[in-house]
Amino acid sequence: MNREQISRIAHADHPIKSPLDDDSVRRLLERGLPRGDERVLDLGCGTAEWLLRALTTHPELHAEGVDVSEDALAQAHEAAVRLGVRDRLVLHHQEAADFVSARPFDLVLNVGSTHAFGGLLPTLAGAGKHLAPGGRVLIGEGFWDRSPSPEAVELFGEQADLATTVDQVVTDGWTPVHGHVSTRRELDDYEWACWGSLASWALDRPADPDSEQVLATATARRTEWLRTYRDTWGFVSLVLRRTSG
C-alpha cells in the first residue's frame, strides 16, 4: 500500500486534512468569501473538501482545484456530482506550482500544502500570481509553539514560531484580515481521528495483506504525536490581502 492510499484511510473521518474543526473552516471561508459569488482556486486541493464546502454554501460561487493525485481528484469529482455542484467545479491534474489560468481568482487557498511551493513565502508568491485585485489568500501553516526537540525538527524541518510567521507574512506585503490558531482540542482531535481511522481499518481487516503495514503506520503516528511534537507544534490559518490592495 502506497503513501497516498494510507493517507486516504487516515483522513476518512477528517477530510479537511488539517487540524481545524467544522466551525473554524466555516469562519475562515466566510472571511475569505465576503460576497459569495467569487472565483476560488485551491492550489493543492486534494479531495477538494474546502471547495466543496464553499460551493454547497454559496450557489453563485465557481471554483477550480489543482492537485497531482488522480485518486484524490477522482474522489473530488464523485463528491461534487453527489452534492450537485460539479458544473461549478473545474479540476486540474498537475503540479500546483505549474498551474496557469487566463482569469484571476478572488480567493486562493493553500492550507497545509506549502511544501508544494517550497515554503510559506514561495506559496504566497505563487498564490499572488492568480489573485484578482482586492482578492484574498487563505493559507494554513505549521509553527513551533515551544522550542522543539531535535526529533521534531527532523520530522517537520525548520519552522518559525507564530510571531515570526506573522511577521514574515506582513513583511512580504500582506495584511491579515482574519486569523485562527488551532486549539489544543483541534490539534488532538485531528491526530486522534487519523490514528483511529488507520487502526480501525487494520483491525477490521486482519486477513488483509496490508493490515500490518497500516497498523504499524497508525502506531508510529500515535507515538510521534505523543512523544515528539504534541507539546511543541501548532497550526495557524490566515486570510490575507495585499497590503497595497
C-alpha atoms as a PDB file:
ATOM      1  CA  MET A   1       0.000   0.000   0.000  1.00  0.00           C
ATOM      2  CA  ASN A   2       1.454   3.349  -1.020  1.00  0.00           C
ATOM      3  CA  ARG A   3       1.606   6.576   0.947  1.00  0.00           C
ATOM      4  CA  GLU A   4      -1.381   8.121  -0.836  1.00  0.00           C
ATOM      5  CA  GLN A   5      -3.613   5.142  -0.048  1.00  0.00           C
ATOM      6  CA  ILE A   6      -2.610   5.259   3.605  1.00  0.00           C
ATOM      7  CA  SER A   7      -3.349   8.989   3.718  1.00  0.00           C
ATOM      8  CA  ARG A   8      -6.795   8.353   2.251  1.00  0.00           C
ATOM      9  CA  ILE A   9      -7.563   5.895   5.050  1.00  0.00           C
ATOM     10  CA  ALA A  10      -6.142   8.211   7.723  1.00  0.00           C
ATOM     11  CA  HIS A  11      -8.314  11.136   6.663  1.00  0.00           C
ATOM     12  CA  ALA A  12     -11.540   9.209   6.130  1.00  0.00           C
ATOM     13  CA  ASP A  13     -13.091  10.846   9.208  1.00  0.00           C
ATOM     14  CA  HIS A  14     -11.275  14.186   8.838  1.00  0.00           C
ATOM     15  CA  PRO A  15     -11.336  15.142   5.138  1.00  0.00           C
ATOM     16  CA  ILE A  16     -10.119  18.719   5.720  1.00  0.00           C
ATOM     17  CA  LYS A  17      -6.671  17.162   6.356  1.00  0.00           C
ATOM     18  CA  SER A  18      -5.693  19.952   8.745  1.00  0.00           C
ATOM     19  CA  PRO A  19      -6.269  20.499  12.494  1.00  0.00           C
ATOM     20  CA  LEU A  20      -9.425  22.568  12.065  1.00  0.00           C
ATOM     21  CA  ASP A  21     -12.954  21.778  13.180  1.00  0.00           C
ATOM     22  CA  ASP A  22     -16.046  22.492  11.099  1.00  0.00           C
ATOM     23  CA  ASP A  23     -16.767  25.833  12.770  1.00  0.00           C
ATOM     24  CA  SER A  24     -13.237  27.070  12.131  1.00  0.00           C
ATOM     25  CA  VAL A  25     -13.425  26.048   8.486  1.00  0.00           C
ATOM     26  CA  ARG A  26     -16.765  27.825   8.134  1.00  0.00           C
ATOM     27  CA  ARG A  27     -15.454  31.041   9.686  1.00  0.00           C
ATOM     28  CA  LEU A  28     -12.330  31.037   7.539  1.00  0.00           C
ATOM     29  CA  LEU A  29     -14.382  30.596   4.383  1.00  0.00           C
ATOM     30  CA  GLU A  30     -16.765  33.350   5.465  1.00  0.00           C
ATOM     31  CA  ARG A  31     -13.840  35.766   5.836  1.00  0.00           C
ATOM     32  CA  GLY A  32     -12.379  34.679   2.526  1.00  0.00           C
ATOM     33  CA  LEU A  33     -15.686  34.908   0.647  1.00  0.00           C
ATOM     34  CA  PRO A  34     -17.392  38.143   1.737  1.00  0.00           C
ATOM     35  CA  ARG A  35     -19.665  38.324  -1.347  1.00  0.00           C
ATOM     36  CA  GLY A  36     -20.474  34.693  -2.040  1.00  0.00           C
ATOM     37  CA  ASP A  37     -20.123  34.824  -5.829  1.00  0.00           C
ATOM     38  CA  GLU A  38     -16.321  34.677  -6.006  1.00  0.00           C
ATOM     39  CA  ARG A  39     -13.993  32.643  -8.195  1.00  0.00           C
ATOM     40  CA  VAL A  40     -11.976  30.356  -5.919  1.00  0.00           C
ATOM     41  CA  LEU A  41      -8.755  28.431  -6.549  1.00  0.00           C
ATOM     42  CA  ASP A  42      -7.251  25.755  -4.309  1.00  0.00           C
ATOM     43  CA  LEU A  43      -3.577  25.052  -5.053  1.00  0.00           C
ATOM     44  CA  GLY A  44      -3.095  21.524  -3.749  1.00  0.00           C
ATOM     45  CA  CYS A  45      -6.778  20.762  -3.293  1.00  0.00           C
ATOM     46  CA  GLY A  46      -6.572  17.023  -2.620  1.00  0.00           C
ATOM     47  CA  THR A  47     -10.161  15.779  -2.496  1.00  0.00           C
ATOM     48  CA  ALA A  48     -11.325  19.430  -2.744  1.00  0.00           C
ATOM     49  CA  GLU A  49     -13.064  19.442   0.625  1.00  0.00           C
ATOM     50  CA  TRP A  50     -12.574  23.203   1.078  1.00  0.00           C
ATOM     51  CA  LEU A  51     -14.004  23.884  -2.371  1.00  0.00           C
ATOM     52  CA  LEU A  52     -16.937  21.523  -1.896  1.00  0.00           C
ATOM     53  CA  ARG A  53     -17.911  23.243   1.336  1.00  0.00           C
ATOM     54  CA  ALA A  54     -17.661  26.656  -0.298  1.00  0.00           C
ATOM     55  CA  LEU A  55     -19.692  25.555  -3.323  1.00  0.00           C
ATOM     56  CA  THR A  56     -22.501  23.985  -1.295  1.00  0.00           C
ATOM     57  CA  THR A  57     -22.754  27.105   0.872  1.00  0.00           C
ATOM     58  CA  HIS A  58     -22.621  29.649  -1.974  1.00  0.00           C
ATOM     59  CA  PRO A  59     -24.711  28.712  -5.048  1.00  0.00           C
ATOM     60  CA  GLU A  60     -23.231  31.528  -7.161  1.00  0.00           C
ATOM     61  CA  LEU A  61     -19.619  30.615  -6.486  1.00  0.00           C
ATOM     62  CA  HIS A  62     -17.293  28.920  -9.018  1.00  0.00           C
ATOM     63  CA  ALA A  63     -14.161  27.017  -8.075  1.00  0.00           C
ATOM     64  CA  GLU A  64     -11.088  25.322  -9.505  1.00  0.00           C
ATOM     65  CA  GLY A  65      -8.767  22.859  -7.817  1.00  0.00           C
ATOM     66  CA  VAL A  66      -5.259  21.708  -8.697  1.00  0.00           C
ATOM     67  CA  ASP A  67      -3.573  18.552  -7.437  1.00  0.00           C
ATOM     68  CA  VAL A  68      -1.094  15.886  -8.553  1.00  0.00           C
ATOM     69  CA  SER A  69      -3.180  12.996  -7.206  1.00  0.00           C
ATOM     70  CA  GLU A  70      -5.503  11.366  -9.737  1.00  0.00           C
ATOM     71  CA  ASP A  71      -7.136   9.371  -6.965  1.00  0.00           C
ATOM     72  CA  ALA A  72      -7.883  12.463  -4.868  1.00  0.00           C
ATOM     73  CA  LEU A  73      -9.296  14.313  -7.874  1.00  0.00           C
ATOM     74  CA  ALA A  74     -11.477  11.316  -8.731  1.00  0.00           C
ATOM     75  CA  GLN A  75     -12.888  11.417  -5.201  1.00  0.00           C
ATOM     76  CA  ALA A  76     -13.476  15.155  -5.572  1.00  0.00           C
ATOM     77  CA  HIS A  77     -15.327  14.578  -8.836  1.00  0.00           C
ATOM     78  CA  GLU A  78     -17.569  11.922  -7.284  1.00  0.00           C
ATOM     79  CA  ALA A  79     -18.347  14.081  -4.273  1.00  0.00           C
ATOM     80  CA  ALA A  80     -19.119  17.102  -6.462  1.00  0.00           C
ATOM     81  CA  VAL A  81     -21.557  15.036  -8.524  1.00  0.00           C
ATOM     82  CA  ARG A  82     -23.201  13.703  -5.375  1.00  0.00           C
ATOM     83  CA  LEU A  83     -23.559  17.220  -3.955  1.00  0.00           C
ATOM     84  CA  GLY A  84     -24.857  18.674  -7.209  1.00  0.00           C
ATOM     85  CA  VAL A  85     -22.020  21.193  -7.676  1.00  0.00           C
ATOM     86  CA  ARG A  86     -19.976  19.515 -10.413  1.00  0.00           C
ATOM     87  CA  ASP A  87     -20.989  22.093 -13.019  1.00  0.00           C
ATOM     88  CA  ARG A  88     -19.303  24.822 -10.935  1.00  0.00           C
ATOM     89  CA  LEU A  89     -16.069  22.948 -10.197  1.00  0.00           C
ATOM     90  CA  VAL A  90     -13.090  22.539 -12.539  1.00  0.00           C
ATOM     91  CA  LEU A  91     -10.333  20.113 -11.538  1.00  0.00           C
ATOM     92  CA  HIS A  92      -6.773  20.165 -12.894  1.00  0.00           C
ATOM     93  CA  HIS A  93      -4.378  17.218 -12.638  1.00  0.00           C
ATOM     94  CA  GLN A  94      -0.950  18.861 -12.425  1.00  0.00           C
ATOM     95  CA  GLU A  95       1.618  20.403 -10.117  1.00  0.00           C
ATOM     96  CA  ALA A  96       0.161  23.367  -8.263  1.00  0.00           C
ATOM     97  CA  ALA A  97       3.299  25.422  -8.878  1.00  0.00           C
ATOM     98  CA  ASP A  98       2.918  24.949 -12.648  1.00  0.00           C
ATOM     99  CA  PHE A  99      -0.754  25.904 -12.884  1.00  0.00           C
ATOM    100  CA  VAL A 100      -1.643  28.804 -15.193  1.00  0.00           C
ATOM    101  CA  SER A 101      -5.069  30.404 -15.644  1.00  0.00           C
ATOM    102  CA  ALA A 102      -6.271  33.034 -18.081  1.00  0.00           C
ATOM    103  CA  ARG A 103      -8.563  34.505 -15.432  1.00  0.00           C
ATOM    104  CA  PRO A 104      -7.677  35.609 -11.885  1.00  0.00           C
ATOM    105  CA  PHE A 105      -9.367  34.436  -8.704  1.00  0.00           C
ATOM    106  CA  ASP A 106     -10.962  36.261  -5.775  1.00  0.00           C
ATOM    107  CA  LEU A 107      -9.771  33.707  -3.231  1.00  0.00           C
ATOM    108  CA  VAL A 108      -6.733  31.446  -3.492  1.00  0.00           C
ATOM    109  CA  LEU A 109      -6.287  28.656  -0.932  1.00  0.00           C
ATOM    110  CA  ASN A 110      -3.341  26.610   0.216  1.00  0.00           C
ATOM    111  CA  VAL A 111      -3.950  25.043   3.619  1.00  0.00           C
ATOM    112  CA  GLY A 112      -1.316  22.633   4.852  1.00  0.00           C
ATOM    113  CA  SER A 113       0.361  22.261   1.438  1.00  0.00           C
ATOM    114  CA  THR A 114       3.017  24.971   1.380  1.00  0.00           C
ATOM    115  CA  HIS A 115       5.627  22.250   0.793  1.00  0.00           C
ATOM    116  CA  ALA A 116       4.370  22.087  -2.808  1.00  0.00           C
ATOM    117  CA  PHE A 117       5.906  25.524  -3.378  1.00  0.00           C
ATOM    118  CA  GLY A 118       8.904  25.182  -1.088  1.00  0.00           C
ATOM    119  CA  GLY A 119       7.603  27.017   1.954  1.00  0.00           C
ATOM    120  CA  LEU A 120       5.354  29.786   3.205  1.00  0.00           C
ATOM    121  CA  LEU A 121       6.668  32.812   1.292  1.00  0.00           C
ATOM    122  CA  PRO A 122       7.083  30.962  -2.045  1.00  0.00           C
ATOM    123  CA  THR A 123       3.496  29.762  -1.601  1.00  0.00           C
ATOM    124  CA  LEU A 124       2.257  33.318  -1.108  1.00  0.00           C
ATOM    125  CA  ALA A 125       4.173  34.381  -4.211  1.00  0.00           C
ATOM    126  CA  GLY A 126       2.590  31.546  -6.177  1.00  0.00           C
ATOM    127  CA  ALA A 127      -0.884  32.335  -4.875  1.00  0.00           C
ATOM    128  CA  GLY A 128      -0.438  36.015  -5.575  1.00  0.00           C
ATOM    129  CA  LYS A 129       0.091  35.355  -9.273  1.00  0.00           C
ATOM    130  CA  HIS A 130      -3.504  34.133  -9.504  1.00  0.00           C
ATOM    131  CA  LEU A 131      -5.118  36.817  -7.357  1.00  0.00           C
ATOM    132  CA  ALA A 132      -7.589  39.376  -8.704  1.00  0.00           C
ATOM    133  CA  PRO A 133      -7.357  42.994  -7.453  1.00  0.00           C
ATOM    134  CA  GLY A 134      -8.808  43.130  -3.950  1.00  0.00           C
ATOM    135  CA  GLY A 135      -8.690  39.340  -3.681  1.00  0.00           C
ATOM    136  CA  ARG A 136      -7.692  37.276  -0.668  1.00  0.00           C
ATOM    137  CA  VAL A 137      -5.460  34.327   0.135  1.00  0.00           C
ATOM    138  CA  LEU A 138      -6.310  31.662   2.703  1.00  0.00           C
ATOM    139  CA  ILE A 139      -3.200  29.867   3.880  1.00  0.00           C
ATOM    140  CA  GLY A 140      -2.544  27.332   6.638  1.00  0.00           C
ATOM    141  CA  GLU A 141       0.918  26.718   8.076  1.00  0.00           C
ATOM    142  CA  GLY A 142       2.537  24.906  10.959  1.00  0.00           C
ATOM    143  CA  PHE A 143       4.682  26.682  13.544  1.00  0.00           C
ATOM    144  CA  TRP A 144       6.621  25.928  16.707  1.00  0.00           C
ATOM    145  CA  ASP A 145       4.554  26.795  19.758  1.00  0.00           C
ATOM    146  CA  ARG A 146       7.515  25.973  22.013  1.00  0.00           C
ATOM    147  CA  SER A 147      11.142  25.077  21.440  1.00  0.00           C
ATOM    148  CA  PRO A 148      11.015  21.773  19.540  1.00  0.00           C
ATOM    149  CA  SER A 149      13.032  18.667  20.188  1.00  0.00           C
ATOM    150  CA  PRO A 150      15.675  17.619  17.646  1.00  0.00           C
ATOM    151  CA  GLU A 151      13.346  14.756  16.688  1.00  0.00           C
ATOM    152  CA  ALA A 152      10.507  17.207  15.959  1.00  0.00           C
ATOM    153  CA  VAL A 153      12.778  19.360  13.792  1.00  0.00           C
ATOM    154  CA  GLU A 154      13.902  16.263  11.925  1.00  0.00           C
ATOM    155  CA  LEU A 155      10.264  15.299  11.344  1.00  0.00           C
ATOM    156  CA  PHE A 156       8.906  18.711  10.265  1.00  0.00           C
ATOM    157  CA  GLY A 157      12.001  20.594   9.162  1.00  0.00           C
ATOM    158  CA  GLU A 158      12.740  24.200  10.029  1.00  0.00           C
ATOM    159  CA  GLN A 159       9.692  26.214  11.100  1.00  0.00           C
ATOM    160  CA  ALA A 160       9.299  29.573  12.811  1.00  0.00           C
ATOM    161  CA  ASP A 161       7.285  30.453  15.879  1.00  0.00           C
ATOM    162  CA  LEU A 162       3.883  32.126  15.491  1.00  0.00           C
ATOM    163  CA  ALA A 163       5.067  35.723  15.895  1.00  0.00           C
ATOM    164  CA  THR A 164       7.853  35.242  13.367  1.00  0.00           C
ATOM    165  CA  THR A 165       5.470  33.555  10.946  1.00  0.00           C
ATOM    166  CA  VAL A 166       3.070  36.515  11.054  1.00  0.00           C
ATOM    167  CA  ASP A 167       5.966  38.984  10.785  1.00  0.00           C
ATOM    168  CA  GLN A 168       7.223  37.196   7.676  1.00  0.00           C
ATOM    169  CA  VAL A 169       3.806  37.452   6.060  1.00  0.00           C
ATOM    170  CA  VAL A 170       3.423  41.152   6.870  1.00  0.00           C
ATOM    171  CA  THR A 171       6.958  41.994   5.736  1.00  0.00           C
ATOM    172  CA  ASP A 172       6.236  40.175   2.489  1.00  0.00           C
ATOM    173  CA  GLY A 173       3.449  42.658   1.719  1.00  0.00           C
ATOM    174  CA  TRP A 174       0.323  41.001   3.122  1.00  0.00           C
ATOM    175  CA  THR A 175      -2.216  42.212   5.664  1.00  0.00           C
ATOM    176  CA  PRO A 176      -4.074  39.657   7.808  1.00  0.00           C
ATOM    177  CA  VAL A 177      -7.849  40.012   7.506  1.00  0.00           C
ATOM    178  CA  HIS A 178      -8.576  37.104   9.856  1.00  0.00           C
ATOM    179  CA  GLY A 179      -6.535  34.522  11.696  1.00  0.00           C
ATOM    180  CA  HIS A 180      -7.173  31.321  13.596  1.00  0.00           C
ATOM    181  CA  VAL A 181      -4.693  29.390  15.719  1.00  0.00           C
ATOM    182  CA  SER A 182      -5.828  25.784  16.042  1.00  0.00           C
ATOM    183  CA  THR A 183      -6.834  24.943  19.584  1.00  0.00           C
ATOM    184  CA  ARG A 184      -5.409  22.068  21.567  1.00  0.00           C
ATOM    185  CA  ARG A 185      -8.682  20.248  21.035  1.00  0.00           C
ATOM    186  CA  GLU A 186      -8.492  20.732  17.265  1.00  0.00           C
ATOM    187  CA  LEU A 187      -4.905  19.501  17.201  1.00  0.00           C
ATOM    188  CA  ASP A 188      -5.678  16.464  19.339  1.00  0.00           C
ATOM    189  CA  ASP A 189      -8.929  15.640  17.539  1.00  0.00           C
ATOM    190  CA  TYR A 190      -7.176  15.743  14.173  1.00  0.00           C
ATOM    191  CA  GLU A 191      -4.351  13.437  15.223  1.00  0.00           C
ATOM    192  CA  TRP A 192      -6.637  11.017  17.054  1.00  0.00           C
ATOM    193  CA  ALA A 193      -9.037  10.904  14.086  1.00  0.00           C
ATOM    194  CA  CYS A 194      -6.176   9.971  11.766  1.00  0.00           C
ATOM    195  CA  TRP A 195      -4.795   7.404  14.179  1.00  0.00           C
ATOM    196  CA  GLY A 196      -8.231   5.940  14.847  1.00  0.00           C
ATOM    197  CA  SER A 197      -9.096   5.631  11.171  1.00  0.00           C
ATOM    198  CA  LEU A 198      -5.869   3.768  10.445  1.00  0.00           C
ATOM    199  CA  ALA A 199      -6.167   1.473  13.448  1.00  0.00           C
ATOM    200  CA  SER A 200      -9.830   0.689  12.776  1.00  0.00           C
ATOM    201  CA  TRP A 201      -9.140  -0.107   9.133  1.00  0.00           C
ATOM    202  CA  ALA A 202      -6.371  -2.528  10.055  1.00  0.00           C
ATOM    203  CA  LEU A 203      -8.199  -4.212  12.938  1.00  0.00           C
ATOM    204  CA  ASP A 204     -11.346  -4.651  10.833  1.00  0.00           C
ATOM    205  CA  ARG A 205      -9.313  -6.462   8.148  1.00  0.00           C
ATOM    206  CA  PRO A 206      -6.950  -8.837   9.944  1.00  0.00           C
ATOM    207  CA  ALA A 207      -6.585 -11.058   6.855  1.00  0.00           C
ATOM    208  CA  ASP A 208      -5.760  -8.166   4.517  1.00  0.00           C
ATOM    209  CA  PRO A 209      -2.098  -8.289   3.448  1.00  0.00           C
ATOM    210  CA  ASP A 210      -1.820  -4.526   4.061  1.00  0.00           C
ATOM    211  CA  SER A 211      -3.299  -4.517   7.567  1.00  0.00           C
ATOM    212  CA  GLU A 212       0.052  -4.980   9.310  1.00  0.00           C
ATOM    213  CA  GLN A 213       1.564  -2.032   7.411  1.00  0.00           C
ATOM    214  CA  VAL A 214      -1.429   0.213   8.150  1.00  0.00           C
ATOM    215  CA  LEU A 215      -1.454  -0.704  11.836  1.00  0.00           C
ATOM    216  CA  ALA A 216       2.291  -0.050  12.060  1.00  0.00           C
ATOM    217  CA  THR A 217       1.718   3.371  10.478  1.00  0.00           C
ATOM    218  CA  ALA A 218      -1.023   4.120  12.997  1.00  0.00           C
ATOM    219  CA  THR A 219       1.192   3.119  15.906  1.00  0.00           C
ATOM    220  CA  ALA A 220       4.120   5.173  14.615  1.00  0.00           C
ATOM    221  CA  ARG A 221       1.926   8.221  14.088  1.00  0.00           C
ATOM    222  CA  ARG A 222       0.478   7.997  17.590  1.00  0.00           C
ATOM    223  CA  THR A 223       3.955   7.637  19.083  1.00  0.00           C
ATOM    224  CA  GLU A 224       5.341  10.591  17.114  1.00  0.00           C
ATOM    225  CA  TRP A 225       2.421  12.781  18.140  1.00  0.00           C
ATOM    226  CA  LEU A 226       2.574  11.977  21.851  1.00  0.00           C
ATOM    227  CA  ARG A 227       6.344  11.845  22.291  1.00  0.00           C
ATOM    228  CA  THR A 228       7.790  14.074  19.594  1.00  0.00           C
ATOM    229  CA  TYR A 229       5.666  17.097  18.749  1.00  0.00           C
ATOM    230  CA  ARG A 230       2.314  17.270  20.563  1.00  0.00           C
ATOM    231  CA  ASP A 231       3.508  19.901  23.041  1.00  0.00           C
ATOM    232  CA  THR A 232       5.549  21.987  20.613  1.00  0.00           C
ATOM    233  CA  TRP A 233       3.735  22.125  17.255  1.00  0.00           C
ATOM    234  CA  GLY A 234       0.900  24.470  16.314  1.00  0.00           C
ATOM    235  CA  PHE A 235      -1.066  25.413  13.218  1.00  0.00           C
ATOM    236  CA  VAL A 236      -2.230  28.854  12.076  1.00  0.00           C
ATOM    237  CA  SER A 237      -4.700  29.710   9.313  1.00  0.00           C
ATOM    238  CA  LEU A 238      -4.652  33.231   7.883  1.00  0.00           C
ATOM    239  CA  VAL A 239      -6.920  35.112   5.499  1.00  0.00           C
ATOM    240  CA  LEU A 240      -4.728  37.730   3.804  1.00  0.00           C
ATOM    241  CA  ARG A 241      -4.999  40.574   1.343  1.00  0.00           C
ATOM    242  CA  ARG A 242      -2.217  42.524  -0.297  1.00  0.00           C
ATOM    243  CA  THR A 243      -1.183  45.446   1.846  1.00  0.00           C
ATOM    244  CA  SER A 244      -1.483  47.790  -1.136  1.00  0.00           C
ATOM    245  CA  GLY A 245      -4.723  46.193  -2.352  1.00  0.00           C
END
